[in-house]
Amino acid sequence: MAETLISIPAATLRAFVTELFHRAGLNAADAAFHAGALVQTDLWGIGSHGILRVPIYIQRVRSGAINATPNIHKLRGGLALEVWDGDDGAGFIVGRDTMRRAIELAKTYGIGAVGVIRSNHFGATGLYARMAAEEGLIGICMTNVVPNIVAPGGSKPITGNNPIAFAVPTAEEFPFVLDISMSGVAGGKLLLASKKGEKIPLDWATDSQGRPTDDPDVAFKGFLLPVGGHKGLGLSYFIDILSGVMTGGVFQFGMKGMYKYPDDPSLTGHFMIVINPQDIIDLEDMRARMAEFYQTIKAAPMWDETREMMLPGEIEYRTEQERIKNGIPLPENLIQELVALGVELGVANTLTTG
């Protein structure tokens, strides 16, 4: 039986989760950013990387697996390329600070790149790519993940679903944002299906022996399948090279998944790239050319005339507008879990539907 969904106003959710993280050990500013990023992800409709993850993040902060007060700092590099140490901090905070640094470098040199070692899971990759687009820059963000993808024909994982996101400023109310992982679906969608009591398509994941399954709980103990066969597999390898091999961080089986090892730092690596188009084109000219680019896409005919050609980032924008108005739908059992955490941590705020 599918789980009941209850809609919670974004502001209520943001205040509650902010206090959860603050009482767990993060300072006020970091707690607000962490909570805000998770709520924003749910506003975009990316439930697999939103509030669903709060319990495990809180658990890891309290156990010390996530360093609540990290010394995030530069290790090495020069000019437009640097490597930073996340000091086992919350991935959201490490991601925020290192993307800010890549933005600074791009504003100085036209392009900036920052590799990151010793971080943790940082949610939706698009969060950080969008930070660049908000400043009129082009953002690229990627991260490596503990191996969870089976190569075509394989029975054991060989690489992670290693997501990558691209964001470009536009003249629209939303930026161009392509945020994808190298598996057919993100692992969080298995969790979400489990919470909702739903089955999954057979081409999403396998059991622990590499056989396709429609049970999300069995799949979560098994492996994901790569998007596009060898194409997604090869891209996953490349993301791990940038995020782990080149930076001097861990790669492949060097990481520790947060669900299998909830009390250990993940040692995750990231790689941020920011391009400043204003070094070669006026920003307003860039926006105008993007508008022309978009118009061509929107004008493309559809064989089903009742459907509409959508732009990268447009579905998220529309979902956000609807959820700002009507609230964020969450599984009832997740809300109960959050409320219990709030009681345990002495959170003054509560979760209500009004």
Foldseek 3Di string as FASTA:
>chain_A
DFFDWFFFALVLQLQLQLLLLVLLQAPNVVSSQLSNVQSLCLLLVNPLQHLLCSVLVSLQSNLVQAPRDADWAWDDDDQQETEIERRRHEQQVNLQVVLVVQLVSCVVPQKHKYKYWNYADRTFQQVSQVVQLVVQWKKKKKWFDAFFEAAVVGFAGFGHQIKMKIWHHAPDPWTFMDIGTFFPDDLSVLVVCVLGVHWQDQQFAAANRGHTGRRSVRRNNHGGYGPPHVVSVVVRVVQQCRFDVVSVFHGHNPADDCVVPVSHRRRMMMMMMMGNCVVPDPSVVVNVVVVVVVVVQQPDDDPPNVDTRDGRGRSSVVSSVVCNVQGRIDGPVSLVVSQVSCVVSVPPRHTDSD
